[in-house]
Amino acid sequence: MSLVLASSSPFRAAILRNAGLAIEAESATVDERSIETPLLEAGLDAADVAQILAEAKASDVSSRRPGALVIGADQTMTLDGELLHKPADMEQARYRLLAMSGKTHTLHSGLALVRDGETVWRHVSAAHLHVRDLGPAFIGRYLASVGDRALQSVGAYQIEGEGIQLFDRIEGDHFTIIGLPLLPLLAELRARGEIDG
């Protein structure tokens, strides 16, 4: 059976391929905000939202890939109890970093495996990241250095790049932070006989 990643993210695909998985990647065509809004109105938390979005993506791609085991992944970020989205522009990125300064935010990374429209496995992991005290001048220099990459993630950083300089403490798995909890996924794929165990 083929493994399909329901994502256009080159980072997630690279993580899986670097781990030795032979995968195909196909973008999901779901409107994340239209799924997310009623979930938040119903009082679901960020972990539930990440899990449901991951499942929605995998289900969407599964409908076009009969027989394939489809991997869906999604990530949410909360700061001071508020679920946040990617900054729209550099000014929003600057305000986001100022708001995060000296505080801890939480990333929830959800996973789902779907085959022929049926969800066969779900998982969500959390990581807590403490941002050191950031001055406006440092934030300006940081944003000038990373440029539009700051707009590619909800926290305006990539932990695998210069974004690591924003933090003084991180609690959680590296793969959870970058949006695909790899170790639980590999364990499940081995248990199912999808990869060599």
N, C-alpha and C. Protein backbone atom coordinates (compact mmCIF):
# COMPACT_ATOMS: atom_id res chain seq x y z
N MET A 1 0.84 -1.19 0.00
CA MET A 1 0.00 0.00 0.00
C MET A 1 0.88 1.25 0.00
N SER A 2 0.41 2.29 -0.64
CA SER A 2 1.20 3.52 -0.69
C SER A 2 0.90 4.39 0.52
N LEU A 3 1.89 5.19 0.88
CA LEU A 3 1.75 6.19 1.93
C LEU A 3 1.66 7.55 1.25
N VAL A 4 0.67 8.33 1.63
CA VAL A 4 0.47 9.65 1.05
C VAL A 4 0.41 10.67 2.18
N LEU A 5 1.17 11.74 2.05
CA LEU A 5 1.12 12.84 3.00
C LEU A 5 0.14 13.87 2.47
N ALA A 6 -0.87 14.19 3.26
CA ALA A 6 -1.89 15.16 2.86
C ALA A 6 -1.40 16.57 3.18
N SER A 7 -0.41 17.02 2.43
CA SER A 7 0.19 18.32 2.71
C SER A 7 1.01 18.77 1.52
N SER A 8 1.09 20.10 1.37
CA SER A 8 2.00 20.67 0.37
C SER A 8 3.29 21.15 1.03
N SER A 9 3.43 20.89 2.33
CA SER A 9 4.60 21.37 3.07
C SER A 9 5.85 20.59 2.68
N PRO A 10 6.83 21.27 2.09
CA PRO A 10 8.08 20.56 1.77
C PRO A 10 8.82 20.12 3.03
N PHE A 11 8.61 20.83 4.16
CA PHE A 11 9.27 20.47 5.41
C PHE A 11 8.76 19.13 5.93
N ARG A 12 7.43 18.96 5.95
CA ARG A 12 6.86 17.70 6.44
C ARG A 12 7.25 16.54 5.53
N ALA A 13 7.20 16.76 4.22
CA ALA A 13 7.61 15.70 3.29
C ALA A 13 9.06 15.33 3.51
N ALA A 14 9.92 16.32 3.70
CA ALA A 14 11.35 16.05 3.90
C ALA A 14 11.59 15.27 5.19
N ILE A 15 10.85 15.59 6.25
CA ILE A 15 10.99 14.86 7.51
C ILE A 15 10.71 13.37 7.29
N LEU A 16 9.63 13.07 6.58
CA LEU A 16 9.27 11.68 6.36
C LEU A 16 10.26 10.98 5.43
N ARG A 17 10.65 11.65 4.38
CA ARG A 17 11.61 11.04 3.45
C ARG A 17 12.98 10.85 4.11
N ASN A 18 13.40 11.82 4.92
CA ASN A 18 14.67 11.69 5.64
C ASN A 18 14.65 10.52 6.63
N ALA A 19 13.46 10.17 7.10
CA ALA A 19 13.31 9.03 8.01
C ALA A 19 13.26 7.70 7.25
N GLY A 20 13.35 7.77 5.92
CA GLY A 20 13.37 6.55 5.12
C GLY A 20 12.03 6.11 4.58
N LEU A 21 10.99 6.93 4.73
CA LEU A 21 9.68 6.55 4.23
C LEU A 21 9.53 6.94 2.76
N ALA A 22 8.97 6.02 1.99
CA ALA A 22 8.64 6.31 0.58
C ALA A 22 7.22 6.85 0.57
N ILE A 23 7.10 8.16 0.39
CA ILE A 23 5.78 8.79 0.43
C ILE A 23 5.54 9.58 -0.85
N GLU A 24 4.27 9.77 -1.11
CA GLU A 24 3.83 10.76 -2.09
C GLU A 24 3.20 11.89 -1.28
N ALA A 25 3.15 13.07 -1.85
CA ALA A 25 2.51 14.21 -1.17
C ALA A 25 1.43 14.77 -2.07
N GLU A 26 0.30 15.07 -1.48
CA GLU A 26 -0.82 15.67 -2.20
C GLU A 26 -1.51 16.67 -1.28
N SER A 27 -1.73 17.86 -1.78
CA SER A 27 -2.35 18.91 -0.97
C SER A 27 -3.81 18.59 -0.68
N ALA A 28 -4.21 18.86 0.53
CA ALA A 28 -5.62 18.78 0.90
C ALA A 28 -6.31 20.08 0.45
N THR A 29 -7.57 19.96 0.12
CA THR A 29 -8.33 21.13 -0.34
C THR A 29 -9.44 21.43 0.66
N VAL A 30 -9.06 21.70 1.89
CA VAL A 30 -10.04 22.02 2.93
C VAL A 30 -9.85 23.47 3.36
N ASP A 31 -10.95 24.10 3.73
CA ASP A 31 -10.91 25.46 4.26
C ASP A 31 -10.76 25.35 5.78
N GLU A 32 -9.53 25.51 6.25
CA GLU A 32 -9.25 25.29 7.66
C GLU A 32 -10.05 26.20 8.57
N ARG A 33 -10.19 27.47 8.20
CA ARG A 33 -10.91 28.40 9.08
C ARG A 33 -12.39 28.03 9.20
N SER A 34 -13.00 27.53 8.11
CA SER A 34 -14.43 27.17 8.19
C SER A 34 -14.63 25.93 9.05
N ILE A 35 -13.62 25.08 9.15
CA ILE A 35 -13.69 23.92 10.05
C ILE A 35 -13.42 24.37 11.48
N GLU A 36 -12.43 25.24 11.64
CA GLU A 36 -11.98 25.66 12.97
C GLU A 36 -13.01 26.49 13.72
N THR A 37 -13.66 27.42 13.04
CA THR A 37 -14.56 28.37 13.71
C THR A 37 -15.65 27.68 14.53
N PRO A 38 -16.44 26.74 13.96
CA PRO A 38 -17.46 26.10 14.81
C PRO A 38 -16.88 25.26 15.94
N LEU A 39 -15.67 24.74 15.74
CA LEU A 39 -15.05 23.97 16.82
C LEU A 39 -14.74 24.86 18.01
N LEU A 40 -14.20 26.05 17.73
CA LEU A 40 -13.90 26.99 18.81
C LEU A 40 -15.18 27.50 19.46
N GLU A 41 -16.20 27.75 18.64
CA GLU A 41 -17.49 28.20 19.19
C GLU A 41 -18.11 27.15 20.10
N ALA A 42 -17.83 25.87 19.81
CA ALA A 42 -18.35 24.78 20.62
C ALA A 42 -17.51 24.53 21.87
N GLY A 43 -16.41 25.29 22.01
CA GLY A 43 -15.58 25.18 23.21
C GLY A 43 -14.47 24.16 23.14
N LEU A 44 -14.18 23.62 21.95
CA LEU A 44 -13.07 22.69 21.85
C LEU A 44 -11.75 23.43 22.03
N ASP A 45 -10.76 22.72 22.57
CA ASP A 45 -9.47 23.37 22.82
C ASP A 45 -8.54 23.22 21.61
N ALA A 46 -7.37 23.82 21.72
CA ALA A 46 -6.42 23.85 20.60
C ALA A 46 -5.94 22.47 20.21
N ALA A 47 -5.79 21.56 21.18
CA ALA A 47 -5.38 20.19 20.86
C ALA A 47 -6.43 19.50 20.00
N ASP A 48 -7.70 19.66 20.37
CA ASP A 48 -8.79 19.06 19.60
C ASP A 48 -8.84 19.65 18.18
N VAL A 49 -8.63 20.96 18.08
CA VAL A 49 -8.67 21.62 16.77
C VAL A 49 -7.55 21.07 15.88
N ALA A 50 -6.35 20.94 16.42
CA ALA A 50 -5.23 20.40 15.63
C ALA A 50 -5.54 18.99 15.16
N GLN A 51 -6.09 18.17 16.05
CA GLN A 51 -6.42 16.79 15.70
C GLN A 51 -7.49 16.72 14.61
N ILE A 52 -8.54 17.50 14.76
CA ILE A 52 -9.64 17.47 13.79
C ILE A 52 -9.20 18.00 12.44
N LEU A 53 -8.38 19.05 12.43
CA LEU A 53 -7.87 19.56 11.15
C LEU A 53 -6.97 18.55 10.46
N ALA A 54 -6.13 17.86 11.22
CA ALA A 54 -5.28 16.82 10.64
C ALA A 54 -6.14 15.73 9.99
N GLU A 55 -7.18 15.35 10.70
CA GLU A 55 -8.08 14.31 10.20
C GLU A 55 -8.84 14.78 8.96
N ALA A 56 -9.26 16.03 8.96
CA ALA A 56 -9.99 16.57 7.80
C ALA A 56 -9.11 16.57 6.55
N LYS A 57 -7.84 16.94 6.72
CA LYS A 57 -6.92 16.95 5.59
C LYS A 57 -6.70 15.54 5.05
N ALA A 58 -6.46 14.60 5.97
CA ALA A 58 -6.23 13.22 5.54
C ALA A 58 -7.47 12.64 4.87
N SER A 59 -8.65 12.93 5.41
CA SER A 59 -9.90 12.42 4.82
C SER A 59 -10.13 12.98 3.42
N ASP A 60 -9.81 14.26 3.25
CA ASP A 60 -9.98 14.90 1.94
C ASP A 60 -9.12 14.20 0.89
N VAL A 61 -7.84 13.99 1.20
CA VAL A 61 -6.95 13.34 0.24
C VAL A 61 -7.32 11.87 0.06
N SER A 62 -7.75 11.22 1.13
CA SER A 62 -8.14 9.82 1.06
C SER A 62 -9.27 9.60 0.07
N SER A 63 -10.15 10.58 -0.05
CA SER A 63 -11.28 10.44 -0.98
C SER A 63 -10.82 10.34 -2.43
N ARG A 64 -9.60 10.78 -2.70
CA ARG A 64 -9.05 10.73 -4.06
C ARG A 64 -8.00 9.65 -4.23
N ARG A 65 -7.64 8.95 -3.14
CA ARG A 65 -6.55 7.97 -3.18
C ARG A 65 -7.00 6.63 -2.59
N PRO A 66 -7.84 5.89 -3.32
CA PRO A 66 -8.33 4.62 -2.77
C PRO A 66 -7.20 3.66 -2.44
N GLY A 67 -7.32 3.03 -1.28
CA GLY A 67 -6.34 2.05 -0.83
C GLY A 67 -5.12 2.62 -0.15
N ALA A 68 -4.83 3.89 -0.35
CA ALA A 68 -3.63 4.50 0.23
C ALA A 68 -3.85 4.79 1.71
N LEU A 69 -2.77 4.72 2.47
CA LEU A 69 -2.80 5.17 3.86
C LEU A 69 -2.34 6.62 3.85
N VAL A 70 -3.25 7.51 4.24
CA VAL A 70 -3.00 8.95 4.13
C VAL A 70 -2.66 9.52 5.50
N ILE A 71 -1.58 10.28 5.55
CA ILE A 71 -1.11 10.92 6.78
C ILE A 71 -1.56 12.37 6.75
N GLY A 72 -2.34 12.77 7.74
CA GLY A 72 -2.73 14.17 7.89
C GLY A 72 -2.04 14.76 9.10
N ALA A 73 -1.63 16.02 8.99
CA ALA A 73 -0.96 16.70 10.11
C ALA A 73 -1.43 18.15 10.15
N ASP A 74 -1.56 18.65 11.37
CA ASP A 74 -1.87 20.07 11.53
C ASP A 74 -1.34 20.53 12.88
N GLN A 75 -1.13 21.84 12.98
CA GLN A 75 -0.58 22.40 14.22
C GLN A 75 -1.34 23.66 14.60
N THR A 76 -1.56 23.81 15.89
CA THR A 76 -2.14 25.04 16.42
C THR A 76 -1.19 25.64 17.44
N MET A 77 -1.33 26.95 17.65
CA MET A 77 -0.53 27.64 18.65
C MET A 77 -1.44 28.48 19.53
N THR A 78 -1.20 28.39 20.84
CA THR A 78 -1.95 29.23 21.77
C THR A 78 -0.99 30.06 22.61
N LEU A 79 -1.41 31.29 22.84
CA LEU A 79 -0.68 32.22 23.70
C LEU A 79 -1.71 32.91 24.57
N ASP A 80 -1.51 32.85 25.87
CA ASP A 80 -2.46 33.45 26.82
C ASP A 80 -3.89 32.95 26.57
N GLY A 81 -4.02 31.67 26.22
CA GLY A 81 -5.33 31.07 26.02
C GLY A 81 -5.98 31.36 24.69
N GLU A 82 -5.32 32.11 23.82
CA GLU A 82 -5.90 32.46 22.52
C GLU A 82 -5.23 31.67 21.42
N LEU A 83 -6.06 31.09 20.53
CA LEU A 83 -5.53 30.37 19.38
C LEU A 83 -5.18 31.40 18.31
N LEU A 84 -3.95 31.33 17.82
CA LEU A 84 -3.44 32.33 16.88
C LEU A 84 -3.22 31.72 15.50
N HIS A 85 -3.13 32.60 14.48
CA HIS A 85 -2.87 32.19 13.11
C HIS A 85 -1.63 32.90 12.58
N LYS A 86 -1.18 32.49 11.41
CA LYS A 86 0.02 33.09 10.84
C LYS A 86 -0.15 34.60 10.68
N PRO A 87 0.90 35.37 10.95
CA PRO A 87 0.82 36.81 10.73
C PRO A 87 0.64 37.12 9.24
N ALA A 88 -0.16 38.11 8.95
CA ALA A 88 -0.46 38.46 7.56
C ALA A 88 0.64 39.29 6.92
N ASP A 89 1.39 40.02 7.75
CA ASP A 89 2.44 40.88 7.22
C ASP A 89 3.50 41.08 8.29
N MET A 90 4.55 41.80 7.93
CA MET A 90 5.67 41.96 8.86
C MET A 90 5.28 42.76 10.10
N GLU A 91 4.34 43.67 9.98
CA GLU A 91 3.90 44.42 11.15
C GLU A 91 3.21 43.50 12.15
N GLN A 92 2.36 42.60 11.64
CA GLN A 92 1.73 41.62 12.53
C GLN A 92 2.77 40.69 13.15
N ALA A 93 3.78 40.32 12.37
CA ALA A 93 4.85 39.48 12.91
C ALA A 93 5.57 40.20 14.05
N ARG A 94 5.81 41.50 13.88
CA ARG A 94 6.48 42.28 14.93
C ARG A 94 5.62 42.31 16.20
N TYR A 95 4.32 42.57 16.05
CA TYR A 95 3.43 42.58 17.21
C TYR A 95 3.34 41.20 17.86
N ARG A 96 3.36 40.14 17.05
CA ARG A 96 3.30 38.79 17.58
C ARG A 96 4.51 38.51 18.46
N LEU A 97 5.69 38.88 17.98
CA LEU A 97 6.90 38.64 18.75
C LEU A 97 6.93 39.48 20.02
N LEU A 98 6.44 40.71 19.95
CA LEU A 98 6.35 41.53 21.16
C LEU A 98 5.41 40.90 22.18
N ALA A 99 4.28 40.35 21.69
CA ALA A 99 3.30 39.72 22.58
C ALA A 99 3.86 38.44 23.20
N MET A 100 4.71 37.73 22.47
CA MET A 100 5.28 36.48 22.95
C MET A 100 6.45 36.68 23.90
N SER A 101 7.05 37.86 23.88
CA SER A 101 8.25 38.15 24.67
C SER A 101 8.03 37.86 26.15
N GLY A 102 8.91 37.03 26.72
CA GLY A 102 8.85 36.72 28.14
C GLY A 102 7.75 35.76 28.53
N LYS A 103 7.06 35.18 27.56
CA LYS A 103 5.92 34.30 27.85
C LYS A 103 6.14 32.92 27.25
N THR A 104 5.31 31.99 27.72
CA THR A 104 5.31 30.63 27.18
C THR A 104 4.10 30.44 26.29
N HIS A 105 4.33 29.91 25.10
CA HIS A 105 3.21 29.53 24.23
C HIS A 105 3.26 28.03 24.00
N THR A 106 2.13 27.49 23.56
CA THR A 106 2.00 26.04 23.38
C THR A 106 1.68 25.73 21.93
N LEU A 107 2.39 24.74 21.41
CA LEU A 107 2.11 24.20 20.08
C LEU A 107 1.49 22.82 20.25
N HIS A 108 0.37 22.58 19.58
CA HIS A 108 -0.24 21.25 19.53
C HIS A 108 -0.13 20.75 18.09
N SER A 109 0.46 19.59 17.92
CA SER A 109 0.60 19.00 16.59
C SER A 109 -0.23 17.72 16.54
N GLY A 110 -1.23 17.74 15.65
CA GLY A 110 -2.13 16.60 15.50
C GLY A 110 -1.76 15.76 14.29
N LEU A 111 -1.99 14.47 14.41
CA LEU A 111 -1.77 13.52 13.32
C LEU A 111 -3.00 12.65 13.16
N ALA A 112 -3.23 12.20 11.94
CA ALA A 112 -4.28 11.21 11.68
C ALA A 112 -3.83 10.33 10.53
N LEU A 113 -4.20 9.07 10.60
CA LEU A 113 -4.04 8.13 9.49
C LEU A 113 -5.43 7.75 9.01
N VAL A 114 -5.66 7.90 7.72
CA VAL A 114 -6.97 7.60 7.13
C VAL A 114 -6.76 6.70 5.92
N ARG A 115 -7.57 5.65 5.84
CA ARG A 115 -7.55 4.78 4.67
C ARG A 115 -8.99 4.61 4.19
N ASP A 116 -9.20 4.88 2.92
CA ASP A 116 -10.53 4.74 2.29
C ASP A 116 -11.62 5.44 3.11
N GLY A 117 -11.29 6.65 3.57
CA GLY A 117 -12.26 7.47 4.27
C GLY A 117 -12.44 7.14 5.74
N GLU A 118 -11.78 6.10 6.23
CA GLU A 118 -11.91 5.71 7.64
C GLU A 118 -10.65 6.09 8.42
N THR A 119 -10.86 6.82 9.51
CA THR A 119 -9.73 7.18 10.37
C THR A 119 -9.33 5.96 11.18
N VAL A 120 -8.07 5.55 11.03
CA VAL A 120 -7.61 4.34 11.71
C VAL A 120 -6.69 4.66 12.89
N TRP A 121 -6.25 5.92 13.01
CA TRP A 121 -5.37 6.29 14.12
C TRP A 121 -5.35 7.80 14.26
N ARG A 122 -5.29 8.26 15.52
CA ARG A 122 -5.22 9.69 15.84
C ARG A 122 -4.16 9.90 16.92
N HIS A 123 -3.52 11.07 16.86
CA HIS A 123 -2.52 11.39 17.88
C HIS A 123 -2.38 12.91 17.95
N VAL A 124 -2.10 13.41 19.14
CA VAL A 124 -1.75 14.82 19.29
C VAL A 124 -0.65 14.95 20.34
N SER A 125 0.34 15.78 20.05
CA SER A 125 1.44 16.04 20.98
C SER A 125 1.50 17.53 21.26
N ALA A 126 2.03 17.90 22.41
CA ALA A 126 2.16 19.31 22.77
C ALA A 126 3.61 19.64 23.10
N ALA A 127 3.98 20.87 22.82
CA ALA A 127 5.29 21.41 23.20
C ALA A 127 5.06 22.80 23.78
N HIS A 128 5.85 23.15 24.78
CA HIS A 128 5.73 24.45 25.44
C HIS A 128 7.05 25.20 25.24
N LEU A 129 6.96 26.38 24.67
CA LEU A 129 8.16 27.14 24.31
C LEU A 129 8.16 28.48 25.03
N HIS A 130 9.22 28.72 25.79
CA HIS A 130 9.33 29.96 26.55
C HIS A 130 10.23 30.93 25.78
N VAL A 131 9.64 32.06 25.39
CA VAL A 131 10.37 33.08 24.66
C VAL A 131 11.10 33.97 25.67
N ARG A 132 12.37 34.21 25.43
CA ARG A 132 13.13 35.09 26.32
C ARG A 132 12.61 36.52 26.15
N ASP A 133 13.01 37.41 27.03
CA ASP A 133 12.62 38.81 26.91
C ASP A 133 13.27 39.40 25.66
N LEU A 134 12.45 39.89 24.76
CA LEU A 134 12.92 40.42 23.49
C LEU A 134 12.71 41.93 23.45
N GLY A 135 13.75 42.66 23.10
CA GLY A 135 13.61 44.10 22.94
C GLY A 135 13.18 44.44 21.52
N PRO A 136 12.53 45.60 21.34
CA PRO A 136 12.09 46.00 20.00
C PRO A 136 13.22 46.06 18.98
N ALA A 137 14.41 46.48 19.39
CA ALA A 137 15.52 46.58 18.45
C ALA A 137 15.93 45.19 17.97
N PHE A 138 15.99 44.22 18.90
CA PHE A 138 16.33 42.85 18.49
C PHE A 138 15.28 42.30 17.54
N ILE A 139 14.00 42.51 17.87
CA ILE A 139 12.92 42.01 17.01
C ILE A 139 13.05 42.60 15.60
N GLY A 140 13.38 43.88 15.52
CA GLY A 140 13.56 44.51 14.21
C GLY A 140 14.70 43.87 13.43
N ARG A 141 15.81 43.63 14.09
CA ARG A 141 16.96 42.99 13.43
C ARG A 141 16.63 41.56 13.02
N TYR A 142 15.95 40.84 13.90
CA TYR A 142 15.56 39.46 13.60
C TYR A 142 14.67 39.40 12.37
N LEU A 143 13.64 40.24 12.34
CA LEU A 143 12.71 40.23 11.21
C LEU A 143 13.41 40.65 9.91
N ALA A 144 14.32 41.60 10.00
CA ALA A 144 15.07 42.01 8.81
C ALA A 144 15.91 40.85 8.29
N SER A 145 16.44 40.05 9.20
CA SER A 145 17.29 38.93 8.80
C SER A 145 16.48 37.79 8.19
N VAL A 146 15.35 37.42 8.81
CA VAL A 146 14.59 36.26 8.31
C VAL A 146 13.63 36.62 7.19
N GLY A 147 13.26 37.89 7.09
CA GLY A 147 12.39 38.33 6.00
C GLY A 147 11.04 37.64 6.02
N ASP A 148 10.53 37.33 4.82
CA ASP A 148 9.19 36.76 4.69
C ASP A 148 9.03 35.37 5.30
N ARG A 149 10.13 34.73 5.66
CA ARG A 149 10.02 33.44 6.35
C ARG A 149 9.26 33.59 7.66
N ALA A 150 9.28 34.80 8.23
CA ALA A 150 8.54 35.04 9.47
C ALA A 150 7.04 34.87 9.28
N LEU A 151 6.57 34.99 8.04
CA LEU A 151 5.14 34.89 7.75
C LEU A 151 4.70 33.46 7.45
N GLN A 152 5.65 32.52 7.46
CA GLN A 152 5.33 31.13 7.13
C GLN A 152 4.91 30.30 8.33
N SER A 153 5.02 30.86 9.53
CA SER A 153 4.60 30.11 10.72
C SER A 153 3.87 31.03 11.68
N VAL A 154 3.00 30.45 12.47
CA VAL A 154 2.16 31.23 13.35
C VAL A 154 2.97 32.02 14.38
N GLY A 155 4.11 31.48 14.80
CA GLY A 155 4.93 32.17 15.79
C GLY A 155 5.97 33.10 15.20
N ALA A 156 5.98 33.23 13.88
CA ALA A 156 6.96 34.08 13.17
C ALA A 156 8.39 33.57 13.32
N TYR A 157 8.53 32.25 13.48
CA TYR A 157 9.87 31.67 13.60
C TYR A 157 9.89 30.26 13.03
N GLN A 158 11.07 29.82 12.65
CA GLN A 158 11.34 28.42 12.36
C GLN A 158 12.42 27.99 13.36
N ILE A 159 12.08 27.02 14.17
CA ILE A 159 12.97 26.59 15.25
C ILE A 159 14.29 26.04 14.71
N GLU A 160 14.26 25.53 13.47
CA GLU A 160 15.47 24.95 12.90
C GLU A 160 16.39 26.00 12.28
N GLY A 161 15.97 27.27 12.32
CA GLY A 161 16.79 28.36 11.80
C GLY A 161 17.08 29.39 12.87
N GLU A 162 17.13 30.65 12.46
CA GLU A 162 17.45 31.73 13.40
C GLU A 162 16.41 31.88 14.51
N GLY A 163 15.23 31.32 14.29
CA GLY A 163 14.18 31.40 15.30
C GLY A 163 14.57 30.80 16.64
N ILE A 164 15.55 29.90 16.65
CA ILE A 164 15.98 29.30 17.91
C ILE A 164 16.50 30.36 18.87
N GLN A 165 16.96 31.49 18.35
CA GLN A 165 17.50 32.55 19.20
C GLN A 165 16.42 33.28 20.02
N LEU A 166 15.15 33.00 19.73
CA LEU A 166 14.07 33.65 20.47
C LEU A 166 13.82 33.02 21.83
N PHE A 167 14.37 31.84 22.08
CA PHE A 167 13.95 31.04 23.23
C PHE A 167 15.02 30.88 24.29
N ASP A 168 14.56 30.74 25.54
CA ASP A 168 15.48 30.36 26.60
C ASP A 168 15.12 29.01 27.21
N ARG A 169 13.94 28.47 26.86
CA ARG A 169 13.56 27.15 27.36
C ARG A 169 12.50 26.54 26.45
N ILE A 170 12.67 25.25 26.17
CA ILE A 170 11.71 24.52 25.33
C ILE A 170 11.42 23.19 26.01
N GLU A 171 10.14 22.87 26.14
CA GLU A 171 9.72 21.58 26.69
C GLU A 171 8.89 20.89 25.62
N GLY A 172 9.45 19.82 25.07
CA GLY A 172 8.71 19.09 24.06
C GLY A 172 9.62 18.56 22.98
N ASP A 173 9.06 17.70 22.18
CA ASP A 173 9.76 17.00 21.13
C ASP A 173 10.01 17.93 19.94
N HIS A 174 11.20 17.85 19.37
CA HIS A 174 11.57 18.67 18.22
C HIS A 174 10.57 18.52 17.07
N PHE A 175 10.14 17.29 16.79
CA PHE A 175 9.24 17.06 15.67
C PHE A 175 7.84 17.61 15.94
N THR A 176 7.44 17.63 17.20
CA THR A 176 6.16 18.26 17.55
C THR A 176 6.24 19.76 17.25
N ILE A 177 7.38 20.35 17.56
CA ILE A 177 7.55 21.79 17.35
C ILE A 177 7.50 22.14 15.86
N ILE A 178 8.04 21.28 15.02
CA ILE A 178 8.01 21.60 13.59
C ILE A 178 6.78 21.03 12.89
N GLY A 179 5.85 20.45 13.66
CA GLY A 179 4.52 20.17 13.13
C GLY A 179 4.24 18.76 12.66
N LEU A 180 5.10 17.80 13.01
CA LEU A 180 4.83 16.42 12.64
C LEU A 180 5.49 15.49 13.66
N PRO A 181 4.73 15.06 14.69
CA PRO A 181 5.31 14.21 15.74
C PRO A 181 5.76 12.85 15.16
N LEU A 182 7.01 12.78 14.80
CA LEU A 182 7.51 11.66 14.00
C LEU A 182 7.58 10.35 14.76
N LEU A 183 8.03 10.36 16.00
CA LEU A 183 8.23 9.09 16.71
C LEU A 183 6.92 8.32 16.93
N PRO A 184 5.83 8.95 17.38
CA PRO A 184 4.57 8.21 17.49
C PRO A 184 4.07 7.71 16.13
N LEU A 185 4.28 8.51 15.08
CA LEU A 185 3.86 8.09 13.74
C LEU A 185 4.63 6.86 13.28
N LEU A 186 5.95 6.87 13.44
CA LEU A 186 6.75 5.71 13.03
C LEU A 186 6.36 4.47 13.83
N ALA A 187 6.11 4.64 15.12
CA ALA A 187 5.70 3.49 15.95
C ALA A 187 4.40 2.89 15.44
N GLU A 188 3.45 3.75 15.08
CA GLU A 188 2.17 3.25 14.57
C GLU A 188 2.32 2.58 13.21
N LEU A 189 3.13 3.15 12.35
CA LEU A 189 3.34 2.54 11.03
C LEU A 189 4.05 1.19 11.16
N ARG A 190 4.98 1.06 12.11
CA ARG A 190 5.60 -0.25 12.37
C ARG A 190 4.58 -1.24 12.90
N ALA A 191 3.76 -0.79 13.85
CA ALA A 191 2.75 -1.68 14.45
C ALA A 191 1.77 -2.18 13.39
N ARG A 192 1.51 -1.38 12.39
CA ARG A 192 0.59 -1.77 11.31
C ARG A 192 1.27 -2.54 10.20
N GLY A 193 2.58 -2.70 10.29
CA GLY A 193 3.29 -3.41 9.24
C GLY A 193 3.49 -2.60 7.97
N GLU A 194 3.30 -1.27 8.06
CA GLU A 194 3.45 -0.41 6.88
C GLU A 194 4.92 -0.13 6.59
N ILE A 195 5.75 -0.17 7.63
CA ILE A 195 7.19 0.00 7.45
C ILE A 195 7.90 -1.11 8.21
N ASP A 196 9.14 -1.34 7.88
CA ASP A 196 9.91 -2.42 8.48
C ASP A 196 10.10 -2.15 9.98
N GLY A 197 9.82 -3.17 10.79
CA GLY A 197 9.91 -2.99 12.22
C GLY A 197 10.91 -3.89 12.85
